[in-house]
Amino acid sequence: MAVTRLKRKHRKNIARANNKQRVIKQLLATPVIKNVDIEELKAQFNKGAAPAAPAAATEGEAAAE
């Protein structure tokens, strides 16, 4: 019994793997934002912690309508 190769399928599988690797490399190449003012973020969370719950409730009601 002769052995046959599925050449087209082999090329397709290799191309699919290469595409996945390229996508991963592209996602990893995106720059990370490093210039973040941590103190400003802490201040926003501290002053916005109490009124955050009512604001979320009004958004939920608006989405329901």
Protein backbone atom coordinates (compact mmCIF):
# COMPACT_ATOMS: atom_id res chain seq x y z
CA MET A 1 0.00 0.00 0.00
CA ALA A 2 1.47 3.30 -1.08
CA VAL A 3 1.85 6.27 1.27
CA THR A 4 0.55 9.56 -0.02
CA ARG A 5 1.32 13.03 1.25
CA LEU A 6 -1.32 15.66 1.65
CA LYS A 7 0.84 18.47 0.31
CA ARG A 8 -1.87 21.13 0.15
CA LYS A 9 -3.01 20.38 3.70
CA HIS A 10 0.59 20.47 4.90
CA ARG A 11 1.13 23.92 3.35
CA LYS A 12 -2.15 25.14 4.83
CA ASN A 13 -1.22 23.91 8.32
CA ILE A 14 2.19 25.58 8.13
CA ALA A 15 0.63 28.84 6.92
CA ARG A 16 -1.92 28.73 9.75
CA ALA A 17 0.80 28.23 12.36
CA ASN A 18 2.87 31.06 10.88
CA ASN A 19 -0.14 33.38 10.94
CA LYS A 20 -0.77 32.62 14.60
CA GLN A 21 2.87 33.30 15.46
CA ARG A 22 2.76 36.58 13.53
CA VAL A 23 -0.36 37.71 15.39
CA ILE A 24 1.23 36.90 18.76
CA LYS A 25 4.41 38.77 17.86
CA GLN A 26 2.37 41.75 16.67
CA LEU A 27 0.38 41.87 19.91
CA LEU A 28 3.54 41.62 22.00
CA ALA A 29 5.21 44.39 19.98
CA THR A 30 2.64 47.01 21.06
CA PRO A 31 4.25 49.53 23.41
CA VAL A 32 3.33 49.53 27.07
CA ILE A 33 2.12 52.83 28.51
CA LYS A 34 4.63 53.79 31.19
CA ASN A 35 4.01 57.51 31.73
CA VAL A 36 1.14 57.13 34.18
CA ASP A 37 0.67 59.50 37.10
CA ILE A 38 -0.05 57.05 39.92
CA GLU A 39 -0.93 59.75 42.44
CA GLU A 40 -3.54 61.21 40.09
CA LEU A 41 -5.12 57.79 39.63
CA LYS A 42 -5.22 57.23 43.39
CA ALA A 43 -6.89 60.62 43.84
CA GLN A 44 -9.53 59.76 41.24
CA PHE A 45 -10.35 56.46 42.94
CA ASN A 46 -10.49 58.02 46.39
CA LYS A 47 -12.88 60.83 45.46
CA GLY A 48 -14.89 58.70 43.02
CA ALA A 49 -15.42 55.64 45.22
CA ALA A 50 -18.65 56.81 46.91
CA PRO A 51 -20.57 58.23 43.91
CA ALA A 52 -19.51 55.41 41.57
CA ALA A 53 -22.39 53.10 42.60
CA PRO A 54 -25.27 55.52 41.80
CA ALA A 55 -23.68 56.40 38.45
CA ALA A 56 -23.56 52.71 37.49
CA ALA A 57 -27.21 52.27 38.51
CA THR A 58 -28.36 55.14 36.24
CA GLU A 59 -26.41 53.68 33.32
CA GLY A 60 -28.10 50.33 33.88
CA GLU A 61 -31.54 51.95 33.84
CA ALA A 62 -30.71 53.86 30.65
CA ALA A 63 -29.57 50.66 28.98
CA ALA A 64 -32.80 48.90 29.99
CA GLU A 65 -34.92 51.54 28.23
